[in-house]
Amino acid sequence: MSLYHSSQKKGCTELTRVCWECSGRSIHCGGNDRVRDTGSPTGASHSGYSGIGLMLLCVLVASYTGLTLSRSWMHVRDQYPECSRPYQSIGYTAYGRVGEVAVQICATVTLSG
C-alpha cells in the first residue's frame, strides 16, 4: 500500500496538507511523511495546482471583504460625518448598540492577542 493511501485512511486530505504547509506548521499524515515548512513559498511549491487554487480563493475572498468594508465605511461616513471609529460605526449602523458592542469586543480580543 502506498504512503498516499495510508495517509488518506488517517484523515489527511490534500486540502489539509496544503493548509498546513502554507501555515508553516508540522503535520504528520501517517508513514514517514512529516511535513515542516517555514512559509508560503515553500508550501506553495509543494502544494501543486490545488495550492494555487486555494491561494487564489483566499485572495478573492480578502479582496471582496476589503471592498465591502470600504463601501460600508464610505456609506456610514456620508450619513454620519462625526463618526471616527470605522468598524464600531458600521456595527452600530447595521445592528444598533448590540452590533457596536459586539464589534468592539471582537476588535479588543483581536488586538489583545
PDB file of N, CA and C in Angstrom:
ATOM      1  N   MET A   1       0.853  -1.176   0.000  1.00  0.00           N
ATOM      2  CA  MET A   1       0.000   0.000   0.000  1.00  0.00           C
ATOM      3  C   MET A   1       0.897   1.236   0.000  1.00  0.00           C
ATOM      4  N   SER A   2       0.527   2.217  -0.797  1.00  0.00           N
ATOM      5  CA  SER A   2       1.366   3.409  -0.903  1.00  0.00           C
ATOM      6  C   SER A   2       1.183   4.320   0.303  1.00  0.00           C
ATOM      7  N   LEU A   3       2.116   5.193   0.453  1.00  0.00           N
ATOM      8  CA  LEU A   3       2.082   6.162   1.543  1.00  0.00           C
ATOM      9  C   LEU A   3       0.883   7.087   1.414  1.00  0.00           C
ATOM     10  N   TYR A   4       0.523   7.442   0.181  1.00  0.00           N
ATOM     11  CA  TYR A   4      -0.605   8.345  -0.044  1.00  0.00           C
ATOM     12  C   TYR A   4      -1.901   7.713   0.455  1.00  0.00           C
ATOM     13  N   HIS A   5      -2.079   6.427   0.159  1.00  0.00           N
ATOM     14  CA  HIS A   5      -3.314   5.759   0.608  1.00  0.00           C
ATOM     15  C   HIS A   5      -3.363   5.600   2.117  1.00  0.00           C
ATOM     16  N   SER A   6      -2.225   5.310   2.755  1.00  0.00           N
ATOM     17  CA  SER A   6      -2.240   5.171   4.211  1.00  0.00           C
ATOM     18  C   SER A   6      -2.543   6.508   4.878  1.00  0.00           C
ATOM     19  N   SER A   7      -2.071   7.616   4.298  1.00  0.00           N
ATOM     20  CA  SER A   7      -2.366   8.913   4.897  1.00  0.00           C
ATOM     21  C   SER A   7      -3.830   9.271   4.689  1.00  0.00           C
ATOM     22  N   GLN A   8      -4.420   8.827   3.584  1.00  0.00           N
ATOM     23  CA  GLN A   8      -5.837   9.106   3.363  1.00  0.00           C
ATOM     24  C   GLN A   8      -6.690   8.376   4.392  1.00  0.00           C
ATOM     25  N   LYS A   9      -6.298   7.179   4.797  1.00  0.00           N
ATOM     26  CA  LYS A   9      -7.063   6.438   5.795  1.00  0.00           C
ATOM     27  C   LYS A   9      -7.046   7.143   7.144  1.00  0.00           C
ATOM     28  N   LYS A  10      -5.988   7.875   7.443  1.00  0.00           N
ATOM     29  CA  LYS A  10      -5.891   8.558   8.726  1.00  0.00           C
ATOM     30  C   LYS A  10      -6.507   9.947   8.694  1.00  0.00           C
ATOM     31  N   GLY A  11      -7.142  10.338   7.607  1.00  0.00           N
ATOM     32  CA  GLY A  11      -7.875  11.577   7.567  1.00  0.00           C
ATOM     33  C   GLY A  11      -7.104  12.787   7.072  1.00  0.00           C
ATOM     34  N   CYS A  12      -5.958  12.610   6.473  1.00  0.00           N
ATOM     35  CA  CYS A  12      -5.181  13.732   5.976  1.00  0.00           C
ATOM     36  C   CYS A  12      -5.425  13.870   4.476  1.00  0.00           C
ATOM     37  N   THR A  13      -6.200  14.843   4.094  1.00  0.00           N
ATOM     38  CA  THR A  13      -6.511  15.049   2.688  1.00  0.00           C
ATOM     39  C   THR A  13      -5.517  16.019   2.064  1.00  0.00           C
ATOM     40  N   GLU A  14      -5.606  16.168   0.763  1.00  0.00           N
ATOM     41  CA  GLU A  14      -4.719  17.100   0.061  1.00  0.00           C
ATOM     42  C   GLU A  14      -4.960  18.528   0.535  1.00  0.00           C
ATOM     43  N   LEU A  15      -6.213  18.897   0.777  1.00  0.00           N
ATOM     44  CA  LEU A  15      -6.528  20.232   1.260  1.00  0.00           C
ATOM     45  C   LEU A  15      -5.896  20.470   2.633  1.00  0.00           C
ATOM     46  N   THR A  16      -5.934  19.453   3.498  1.00  0.00           N
ATOM     47  CA  THR A  16      -5.315  19.565   4.814  1.00  0.00           C
ATOM     48  C   THR A  16      -3.816  19.783   4.685  1.00  0.00           C
ATOM     49  N   ARG A  17      -3.183  19.035   3.804  1.00  0.00           N
ATOM     50  CA  ARG A  17      -1.746  19.189   3.598  1.00  0.00           C
ATOM     51  C   ARG A  17      -1.408  20.595   3.123  1.00  0.00           C
ATOM     52  N   VAL A  18      -2.178  21.127   2.154  1.00  0.00           N
ATOM     53  CA  VAL A  18      -1.907  22.458   1.605  1.00  0.00           C
ATOM     54  C   VAL A  18      -2.054  23.511   2.688  1.00  0.00           C
ATOM     55  N   CYS A  19      -3.137  23.432   3.451  1.00  0.00           N
ATOM     56  CA  CYS A  19      -3.364  24.431   4.501  1.00  0.00           C
ATOM     57  C   CYS A  19      -2.250  24.404   5.540  1.00  0.00           C
ATOM     58  N   TRP A  20      -1.850  23.220   5.983  1.00  0.00           N
ATOM     59  CA  TRP A  20      -0.815  23.115   6.997  1.00  0.00           C
ATOM     60  C   TRP A  20       0.547  23.522   6.451  1.00  0.00           C
ATOM     61  N   GLU A  21       0.822  23.177   5.188  1.00  0.00           N
ATOM     62  CA  GLU A  21       2.108  23.561   4.611  1.00  0.00           C
ATOM     63  C   GLU A  21       2.193  25.071   4.452  1.00  0.00           C
ATOM     64  N   CYS A  22       1.105  25.709   4.027  1.00  0.00           N
ATOM     65  CA  CYS A  22       1.122  27.155   3.829  1.00  0.00           C
ATOM     66  C   CYS A  22       1.207  27.901   5.154  1.00  0.00           C
ATOM     67  N   SER A  23       0.737  27.291   6.230  1.00  0.00           N
ATOM     68  CA  SER A  23       0.812  27.951   7.528  1.00  0.00           C
ATOM     69  C   SER A  23       2.179  27.778   8.174  1.00  0.00           C
ATOM     70  N   GLY A  24       3.002  26.882   7.643  1.00  0.00           N
ATOM     71  CA  GLY A  24       4.342  26.688   8.182  1.00  0.00           C
ATOM     72  C   GLY A  24       4.360  25.786   9.404  1.00  0.00           C
ATOM     73  N   ARG A  25       3.328  25.025   9.618  1.00  0.00           N
ATOM     74  CA  ARG A  25       3.268  24.135  10.777  1.00  0.00           C
ATOM     75  C   ARG A  25       3.626  22.709  10.358  1.00  0.00           C
ATOM     76  N   SER A  26       3.865  21.882  11.323  1.00  0.00           N
ATOM     77  CA  SER A  26       4.218  20.496  11.067  1.00  0.00           C
ATOM     78  C   SER A  26       2.976  19.624  11.177  1.00  0.00           C
ATOM     79  N   ILE A  27       2.834  18.683  10.267  1.00  0.00           N
ATOM     80  CA  ILE A  27       1.688  17.777  10.299  1.00  0.00           C
ATOM     81  C   ILE A  27       2.199  16.376   9.993  1.00  0.00           C
ATOM     82  N   HIS A  28       1.618  15.395  10.648  1.00  0.00           N
ATOM     83  CA  HIS A  28       2.004  14.007  10.447  1.00  0.00           C
ATOM     84  C   HIS A  28       0.797  13.269   9.892  1.00  0.00           C
ATOM     85  N   CYS A  29       0.910  12.792   8.672  1.00  0.00           N
ATOM     86  CA  CYS A  29      -0.224  12.165   7.991  1.00  0.00           C
ATOM     87  C   CYS A  29      -0.057  10.661   7.851  1.00  0.00           C
ATOM     88  N   GLY A  30       0.778  10.069   8.628  1.00  0.00           N
ATOM     89  CA  GLY A  30       0.978   8.625   8.532  1.00  0.00           C
ATOM     90  C   GLY A  30       2.271   8.315   7.796  1.00  0.00           C
ATOM     91  N   GLY A  31       2.873   7.230   8.131  1.00  0.00           N
ATOM     92  CA  GLY A  31       4.121   6.859   7.481  1.00  0.00           C
ATOM     93  C   GLY A  31       5.248   7.790   7.902  1.00  0.00           C
ATOM     94  N   ASN A  32       6.158   8.046   6.990  1.00  0.00           N
ATOM     95  CA  ASN A  32       7.295   8.917   7.265  1.00  0.00           C
ATOM     96  C   ASN A  32       7.186  10.253   6.546  1.00  0.00           C
ATOM     97  N   ASP A  33       5.978  10.746   6.349  1.00  0.00           N
ATOM     98  CA  ASP A  33       5.806  11.962   5.552  1.00  0.00           C
ATOM     99  C   ASP A  33       5.545  13.185   6.410  1.00  0.00           C
ATOM    100  N   ARG A  34       6.308  13.340   7.503  1.00  0.00           N
ATOM    101  CA  ARG A  34       6.161  14.542   8.331  1.00  0.00           C
ATOM    102  C   ARG A  34       6.609  15.744   7.497  1.00  0.00           C
ATOM    103  N   VAL A  35       5.748  16.744   7.440  1.00  0.00           N
ATOM    104  CA  VAL A  35       5.998  17.920   6.613  1.00  0.00           C
ATOM    105  C   VAL A  35       6.284  19.097   7.528  1.00  0.00           C
ATOM    106  N   ARG A  36       7.369  19.816   7.250  1.00  0.00           N
ATOM    107  CA  ARG A  36       7.685  21.013   8.026  1.00  0.00           C
ATOM    108  C   ARG A  36       8.175  22.075   7.060  1.00  0.00           C
ATOM    109  N   ASP A  37       7.397  23.126   6.931  1.00  0.00           N
ATOM    110  CA  ASP A  37       7.776  24.215   6.053  1.00  0.00           C
ATOM    111  C   ASP A  37       7.796  25.504   6.842  1.00  0.00           C
ATOM    112  N   THR A  38       8.536  26.482   6.357  1.00  0.00           N
ATOM    113  CA  THR A  38       8.677  27.734   7.092  1.00  0.00           C
ATOM    114  C   THR A  38       7.825  28.861   6.547  1.00  0.00           C
ATOM    115  N   GLY A  39       7.093  28.657   5.472  1.00  0.00           N
ATOM    116  CA  GLY A  39       6.258  29.745   4.976  1.00  0.00           C
ATOM    117  C   GLY A  39       5.576  29.420   3.671  1.00  0.00           C
ATOM    118  N   SER A  40       4.906  30.405   3.148  1.00  0.00           N
ATOM    119  CA  SER A  40       4.096  30.234   1.954  1.00  0.00           C
ATOM    120  C   SER A  40       4.873  29.825   0.702  1.00  0.00           C
ATOM    121  N   PRO A  41       6.044  30.399   0.415  1.00  0.00           N
ATOM    122  CA  PRO A  41       6.717  29.986  -0.824  1.00  0.00           C
ATOM    123  C   PRO A  41       7.037  28.495  -0.875  1.00  0.00           C
ATOM    124  N   THR A  42       7.535  27.947   0.204  1.00  0.00           N
ATOM    125  CA  THR A  42       7.840  26.519   0.222  1.00  0.00           C
ATOM    126  C   THR A  42       6.564  25.701   0.204  1.00  0.00           C
ATOM    127  N   GLY A  43       5.567  26.143   0.966  1.00  0.00           N
ATOM    128  CA  GLY A  43       4.286  25.443   0.976  1.00  0.00           C
ATOM    129  C   GLY A  43       3.635  25.467  -0.388  1.00  0.00           C
ATOM    130  N   ALA A  44       3.744  26.589  -1.076  1.00  0.00           N
ATOM    131  CA  ALA A  44       3.153  26.696  -2.412  1.00  0.00           C
ATOM    132  C   ALA A  44       3.865  25.786  -3.395  1.00  0.00           C
ATOM    133  N   SER A  45       5.178  25.669  -3.268  1.00  0.00           N
ATOM    134  CA  SER A  45       5.908  24.815  -4.201  1.00  0.00           C
ATOM    135  C   SER A  45       5.571  23.338  -3.991  1.00  0.00           C
ATOM    136  N   HIS A  46       5.202  22.954  -2.787  1.00  0.00           N
ATOM    137  CA  HIS A  46       4.844  21.562  -2.512  1.00  0.00           C
ATOM    138  C   HIS A  46       3.368  21.270  -2.755  1.00  0.00           C
ATOM    139  N   SER A  47       2.541  22.290  -2.866  1.00  0.00           N
ATOM    140  CA  SER A  47       1.098  22.060  -2.935  1.00  0.00           C
ATOM    141  C   SER A  47       0.581  21.822  -4.343  1.00  0.00           C
ATOM    142  N   GLY A  48       1.303  22.236  -5.353  1.00  0.00           N
ATOM    143  CA  GLY A  48       0.876  21.985  -6.726  1.00  0.00           C
ATOM    144  C   GLY A  48      -0.287  22.878  -7.136  1.00  0.00           C
ATOM    145  N   TYR A  49      -1.093  22.361  -8.042  1.00  0.00           N
ATOM    146  CA  TYR A  49      -2.200  23.148  -8.577  1.00  0.00           C
ATOM    147  C   TYR A  49      -3.300  23.406  -7.545  1.00  0.00           C
ATOM    148  N   SER A  50      -3.506  22.494  -6.626  1.00  0.00           N
ATOM    149  CA  SER A  50      -4.534  22.725  -5.603  1.00  0.00           C
ATOM    150  C   SER A  50      -4.147  23.892  -4.699  1.00  0.00           C
ATOM    151  N   GLY A  51      -2.860  24.057  -4.437  1.00  0.00           N
ATOM    152  CA  GLY A  51      -2.396  25.185  -3.627  1.00  0.00           C
ATOM    153  C   GLY A  51      -2.583  26.510  -4.331  1.00  0.00           C
ATOM    154  N   ILE A  52      -2.370  26.524  -5.633  1.00  0.00           N
ATOM    155  CA  ILE A  52      -2.585  27.750  -6.402  1.00  0.00           C
ATOM    156  C   ILE A  52      -4.055  28.134  -6.356  1.00  0.00           C
ATOM    157  N   GLY A  53      -4.926  27.153  -6.517  1.00  0.00           N
ATOM    158  CA  GLY A  53      -6.364  27.423  -6.440  1.00  0.00           C
ATOM    159  C   GLY A  53      -6.789  27.912  -5.070  1.00  0.00           C
ATOM    160  N   LEU A  54      -6.226  27.310  -4.024  1.00  0.00           N
ATOM    161  CA  LEU A  54      -6.565  27.719  -2.657  1.00  0.00           C
ATOM    162  C   LEU A  54      -6.071  29.135  -2.380  1.00  0.00           C
ATOM    163  N   MET A  55      -4.865  29.459  -2.824  1.00  0.00           N
ATOM    164  CA  MET A  55      -4.354  30.822  -2.626  1.00  0.00           C
ATOM    165  C   MET A  55      -5.161  31.838  -3.425  1.00  0.00           C
ATOM    166  N   LEU A  56      -5.557  31.487  -4.638  1.00  0.00           N
ATOM    167  CA  LEU A  56      -6.386  32.373  -5.446  1.00  0.00           C
ATOM    168  C   LEU A  56      -7.735  32.617  -4.770  1.00  0.00           C
ATOM    169  N   LEU A  57      -8.309  31.572  -4.201  1.00  0.00           N
ATOM    170  CA  LEU A  57      -9.565  31.716  -3.468  1.00  0.00           C
ATOM    171  C   LEU A  57      -9.395  32.653  -2.268  1.00  0.00           C
ATOM    172  N   CYS A  58      -8.309  32.516  -1.536  1.00  0.00           N
ATOM    173  CA  CYS A  58      -8.053  33.399  -0.393  1.00  0.00           C
ATOM    174  C   CYS A  58      -7.886  34.847  -0.830  1.00  0.00           C
ATOM    175  N   VAL A  59      -7.218  35.072  -1.955  1.00  0.00           N
ATOM    176  CA  VAL A  59      -7.052  36.435  -2.474  1.00  0.00           C
ATOM    177  C   VAL A  59      -8.396  37.025  -2.858  1.00  0.00           C
ATOM    178  N   LEU A  60      -9.238  36.242  -3.510  1.00  0.00           N
ATOM    179  CA  LEU A  60     -10.551  36.733  -3.916  1.00  0.00           C
ATOM    180  C   LEU A  60     -11.433  37.062  -2.719  1.00  0.00           C
ATOM    181  N   VAL A  61     -11.432  36.206  -1.710  1.00  0.00           N
ATOM    182  CA  VAL A  61     -12.234  36.457  -0.510  1.00  0.00           C
ATOM    183  C   VAL A  61     -11.735  37.693   0.223  1.00  0.00           C
ATOM    184  N   ALA A  62     -10.428  37.842   0.367  1.00  0.00           N
ATOM    185  CA  ALA A  62      -9.872  39.020   1.043  1.00  0.00           C
ATOM    186  C   ALA A  62     -10.176  40.301   0.265  1.00  0.00           C
ATOM    187  N   SER A  63     -10.103  40.241  -1.052  1.00  0.00           N
ATOM    188  CA  SER A  63     -10.416  41.418  -1.871  1.00  0.00           C
ATOM    189  C   SER A  63     -11.871  41.810  -1.735  1.00  0.00           C
ATOM    190  N   TYR A  64     -12.765  40.831  -1.801  1.00  0.00           N
ATOM    191  CA  TYR A  64     -14.189  41.114  -1.669  1.00  0.00           C
ATOM    192  C   TYR A  64     -14.507  41.701  -0.289  1.00  0.00           C
ATOM    193  N   THR A  65     -13.902  41.133   0.750  1.00  0.00           N
ATOM    194  CA  THR A  65     -14.125  41.632   2.109  1.00  0.00           C
ATOM    195  C   THR A  65     -13.636  43.067   2.252  1.00  0.00           C
ATOM    196  N   GLY A  66     -12.470  43.372   1.709  1.00  0.00           N
ATOM    197  CA  GLY A  66     -11.944  44.731   1.762  1.00  0.00           C
ATOM    198  C   GLY A  66     -12.831  45.720   1.032  1.00  0.00           C
ATOM    199  N   LEU A  67     -13.315  45.337  -0.150  1.00  0.00           N
ATOM    200  CA  LEU A  67     -14.215  46.221  -0.896  1.00  0.00           C
ATOM    201  C   LEU A  67     -15.523  46.456  -0.145  1.00  0.00           C
ATOM    202  N   THR A  68     -16.077  45.404   0.430  1.00  0.00           N
ATOM    203  CA  THR A  68     -17.331  45.536   1.172  1.00  0.00           C
ATOM    204  C   THR A  68     -17.158  46.427   2.389  1.00  0.00           C
ATOM    205  N   LEU A  69     -16.066  46.250   3.122  1.00  0.00           N
ATOM    206  CA  LEU A  69     -15.812  47.103   4.282  1.00  0.00           C
ATOM    207  C   LEU A  69     -15.605  48.556   3.885  1.00  0.00           C
ATOM    208  N   SER A  70     -14.884  48.793   2.787  1.00  0.00           N
ATOM    209  CA  SER A  70     -14.655  50.183   2.377  1.00  0.00           C
ATOM    210  C   SER A  70     -15.940  50.844   1.909  1.00  0.00           C
ATOM    211  N   ARG A  71     -16.787  50.109   1.205  1.00  0.00           N
ATOM    212  CA  ARG A  71     -18.074  50.677   0.780  1.00  0.00           C
ATOM    213  C   ARG A  71     -18.967  50.959   1.980  1.00  0.00           C
ATOM    214  N   SER A  72     -18.968  50.055   2.934  1.00  0.00           N
ATOM    215  CA  SER A  72     -19.777  50.271   4.141  1.00  0.00           C
ATOM    216  C   SER A  72     -19.287  51.498   4.905  1.00  0.00           C
ATOM    217  N   TRP A  73     -17.975  51.636   5.048  1.00  0.00           N
ATOM    218  CA  TRP A  73     -17.419  52.771   5.761  1.00  0.00           C
ATOM    219  C   TRP A  73     -17.730  54.080   5.033  1.00  0.00           C
ATOM    220  N   MET A  74     -17.656  54.087   3.709  1.00  0.00           N
ATOM    221  CA  MET A  74     -17.979  55.302   2.956  1.00  0.00           C
ATOM    222  C   MET A  74     -19.447  55.667   3.132  1.00  0.00           C
ATOM    223  N   HIS A  75     -20.318  54.668   3.159  1.00  0.00           N
ATOM    224  CA  HIS A  75     -21.743  54.918   3.363  1.00  0.00           C
ATOM    225  C   HIS A  75     -22.011  55.500   4.758  1.00  0.00           C
ATOM    226  N   VAL A  76     -21.404  54.907   5.772  1.00  0.00           N
ATOM    227  CA  VAL A  76     -21.582  55.395   7.144  1.00  0.00           C
ATOM    228  C   VAL A  76     -20.982  56.787   7.293  1.00  0.00           C
ATOM    229  N   ARG A  77     -19.811  57.011   6.715  1.00  0.00           N
ATOM    230  CA  ARG A  77     -19.154  58.311   6.806  1.00  0.00           C
ATOM    231  C   ARG A  77     -19.989  59.409   6.140  1.00  0.00           C
ATOM    232  N   ASP A  78     -20.649  59.079   5.029  1.00  0.00           N
ATOM    233  CA  ASP A  78     -21.502  60.064   4.358  1.00  0.00           C
ATOM    234  C   ASP A  78     -22.744  60.395   5.181  1.00  0.00           C
ATOM    235  N   GLN A  79     -23.310  59.385   5.854  1.00  0.00           N
ATOM    236  CA  GLN A  79     -24.504  59.615   6.667  1.00  0.00           C
ATOM    237  C   GLN A  79     -24.186  60.288   7.997  1.00  0.00           C
ATOM    238  N   TYR A  80     -23.089  59.876   8.613  1.00  0.00           N
ATOM    239  CA  TYR A  80     -22.708  60.382   9.939  1.00  0.00           C
ATOM    240  C   TYR A  80     -21.271  60.887   9.893  1.00  0.00           C
ATOM    241  N   PRO A  81     -21.059  62.133   9.482  1.00  0.00           N
ATOM    242  CA  PRO A  81     -19.674  62.630   9.339  1.00  0.00           C
ATOM    243  C   PRO A  81     -18.905  62.727  10.654  1.00  0.00           C
ATOM    244  N   GLU A  82     -19.591  62.706  11.789  1.00  0.00           N
ATOM    245  CA  GLU A  82     -18.896  62.823  13.076  1.00  0.00           C
ATOM    246  C   GLU A  82     -18.301  61.498  13.551  1.00  0.00           C
ATOM    247  N   CYS A  83     -18.571  60.393  12.864  1.00  0.00           N
ATOM    248  CA  CYS A  83     -18.055  59.079  13.269  1.00  0.00           C
ATOM    249  C   CYS A  83     -16.548  59.002  13.042  1.00  0.00           C
ATOM    250  N   SER A  84     -15.842  58.473  14.027  1.00  0.00           N
ATOM    251  CA  SER A  84     -14.391  58.368  13.902  1.00  0.00           C
ATOM    252  C   SER A  84     -13.883  56.933  14.026  1.00  0.00           C
ATOM    253  N   ARG A  85     -14.725  55.999  14.463  1.00  0.00           N
ATOM    254  CA  ARG A  85     -14.305  54.605  14.607  1.00  0.00           C
ATOM    255  C   ARG A  85     -15.017  53.782  13.531  1.00  0.00           C
ATOM    256  N   PRO A  86     -14.315  53.380  12.486  1.00  0.00           N
ATOM    257  CA  PRO A  86     -14.986  52.766  11.337  1.00  0.00           C
ATOM    258  C   PRO A  86     -15.737  51.476  11.652  1.00  0.00           C
ATOM    259  N   TYR A  87     -15.099  50.511  12.268  1.00  0.00           N
ATOM    260  CA  TYR A  87     -15.751  49.227  12.478  1.00  0.00           C
ATOM    261  C   TYR A  87     -16.921  49.335  13.453  1.00  0.00           C
ATOM    262  N   GLN A  88     -16.738  50.057  14.543  1.00  0.00           N
ATOM    263  CA  GLN A  88     -17.810  50.218  15.510  1.00  0.00           C
ATOM    264  C   GLN A  88     -18.981  50.988  14.900  1.00  0.00           C
ATOM    265  N   SER A  89     -18.688  51.969  14.060  1.00  0.00           N
ATOM    266  CA  SER A  89     -19.749  52.742  13.409  1.00  0.00           C
ATOM    267  C   SER A  89     -20.539  51.883  12.432  1.00  0.00           C
ATOM    268  N   ILE A  90     -19.855  51.018  11.703  1.00  0.00           N
ATOM    269  CA  ILE A  90     -20.543  50.104  10.792  1.00  0.00           C
ATOM    270  C   ILE A  90     -21.416  49.140  11.595  1.00  0.00           C
ATOM    271  N   GLY A  91     -20.892  48.625  12.696  1.00  0.00           N
ATOM    272  CA  GLY A  91     -21.678  47.735  13.551  1.00  0.00           C
ATOM    273  C   GLY A  91     -22.906  48.426  14.118  1.00  0.00           C
ATOM    274  N   TYR A  92     -22.748  49.679  14.537  1.00  0.00           N
ATOM    275  CA  TYR A  92     -23.878  50.425  15.090  1.00  0.00           C
ATOM    276  C   TYR A  92     -24.935  50.696  14.016  1.00  0.00           C
ATOM    277  N   THR A  93     -24.480  51.077  12.833  1.00  0.00           N
ATOM    278  CA  THR A  93     -25.418  51.372  11.749  1.00  0.00           C
ATOM    279  C   THR A  93     -26.177  50.114  11.321  1.00  0.00           C
ATOM    280  N   ALA A  94     -25.509  48.976  11.317  1.00  0.00           N
ATOM    281  CA  ALA A  94     -26.143  47.738  10.863  1.00  0.00           C
ATOM    282  C   ALA A  94     -27.037  47.107  11.926  1.00  0.00           C
ATOM    283  N   TYR A  95     -26.586  47.070  13.197  1.00  0.00           N
ATOM    284  CA  TYR A  95     -27.305  46.310  14.226  1.00  0.00           C
ATOM    285  C   TYR A  95     -27.601  47.091  15.493  1.00  0.00           C
ATOM    286  N   GLY A  96     -27.335  48.368  15.490  1.00  0.00           N
ATOM    287  CA  GLY A  96     -27.610  49.174  16.677  1.00  0.00           C
ATOM    288  C   GLY A  96     -26.524  49.024  17.727  1.00  0.00           C
ATOM    289  N   ARG A  97     -26.910  49.279  18.974  1.00  0.00           N
ATOM    290  CA  ARG A  97     -25.948  49.255  20.088  1.00  0.00           C
ATOM    291  C   ARG A  97     -25.328  47.861  20.269  1.00  0.00           C
ATOM    292  N   VAL A  98     -26.098  46.807  20.047  1.00  0.00           N
ATOM    293  CA  VAL A  98     -25.576  45.441  20.186  1.00  0.00           C
ATOM    294  C   VAL A  98     -24.454  45.195  19.174  1.00  0.00           C
ATOM    295  N   GLY A  99     -24.628  45.650  17.927  1.00  0.00           N
ATOM    296  CA  GLY A  99     -23.596  45.497  16.911  1.00  0.00           C
ATOM    297  C   GLY A  99     -22.339  46.270  17.236  1.00  0.00           C
ATOM    298  N   GLU A 100     -22.524  47.478  17.786  1.00  0.00           N
ATOM    299  CA  GLU A 100     -21.369  48.288  18.159  1.00  0.00           C
ATOM    300  C   GLU A 100     -20.561  47.613  19.264  1.00  0.00           C
ATOM    301  N   VAL A 101     -21.246  47.098  20.275  1.00  0.00           N
ATOM    302  CA  VAL A 101     -20.559  46.427  21.382  1.00  0.00           C
ATOM    303  C   VAL A 101     -19.895  45.139  20.905  1.00  0.00           C
ATOM    304  N   ALA A 102     -20.580  44.373  20.052  1.00  0.00           N
ATOM    305  CA  ALA A 102     -20.008  43.122  19.543  1.00  0.00           C
ATOM    306  C   ALA A 102     -18.729  43.390  18.737  1.00  0.00           C
ATOM    307  N   VAL A 103     -18.760  44.431  17.913  1.00  0.00           N
ATOM    308  CA  VAL A 103     -17.578  44.772  17.122  1.00  0.00           C
ATOM    309  C   VAL A 103     -16.445  45.253  18.027  1.00  0.00           C
ATOM    310  N   GLN A 104     -16.777  46.010  19.053  1.00  0.00           N
ATOM    311  CA  GLN A 104     -15.746  46.483  19.989  1.00  0.00           C
ATOM    312  C   GLN A 104     -15.091  45.317  20.722  1.00  0.00           C
ATOM    313  N   ILE A 105     -15.897  44.347  21.131  1.00  0.00           N
ATOM    314  CA  ILE A 105     -15.350  43.153  21.809  1.00  0.00           C
ATOM    315  C   ILE A 105     -14.438  42.382  20.859  1.00  0.00           C
ATOM    316  N   CYS A 106     -14.889  42.163  19.613  1.00  0.00           N
ATOM    317  CA  CYS A 106     -14.056  41.438  18.636  1.00  0.00           C
ATOM    318  C   CYS A 106     -12.746  42.167  18.355  1.00  0.00           C
ATOM    319  N   ALA A 107     -12.805  43.486  18.228  1.00  0.00           N
ATOM    320  CA  ALA A 107     -11.589  44.271  17.965  1.00  0.00           C
ATOM    321  C   ALA A 107     -10.631  44.195  19.157  1.00  0.00           C
ATOM    322  N   THR A 108     -11.174  44.266  20.357  1.00  0.00           N
ATOM    323  CA  THR A 108     -10.329  44.205  21.556  1.00  0.00           C
ATOM    324  C   THR A 108      -9.667  42.832  21.680  1.00  0.00           C
ATOM    325  N   VAL A 109     -10.423  41.770  21.466  1.00  0.00           N
ATOM    326  CA  VAL A 109      -9.866  40.414  21.541  1.00  0.00           C
ATOM    327  C   VAL A 109      -8.795  40.219  20.476  1.00  0.00           C
ATOM    328  N   THR A 110      -9.050  40.705  19.268  1.00  0.00           N
ATOM    329  CA  THR A 110      -8.090  40.558  18.185  1.00  0.00           C
ATOM    330  C   THR A 110      -6.791  41.298  18.492  1.00  0.00           C
ATOM    331  N   LEU A 111      -6.897  42.516  19.004  1.00  0.00           N
ATOM    332  CA  LEU A 111      -5.698  43.290  19.295  1.00  0.00           C
ATOM    333  C   LEU A 111      -4.963  42.802  20.540  1.00  0.00           C
ATOM    334  N   SER A 112      -5.684  42.126  21.438  1.00  0.00           N
ATOM    335  CA  SER A 112      -5.050  41.619  22.666  1.00  0.00           C
ATOM    336  C   SER A 112      -4.209  40.390  22.402  1.00  0.00           C
ATOM    337  N   GLY A 113      -4.475  39.702  21.341  1.00  0.00           N
ATOM    338  CA  GLY A 113      -3.657  38.557  21.001  1.00  0.00           C
ATOM    339  C   GLY A 113      -4.386  37.289  21.188  1.00  0.00           C
TER     340      GLY A 113
END
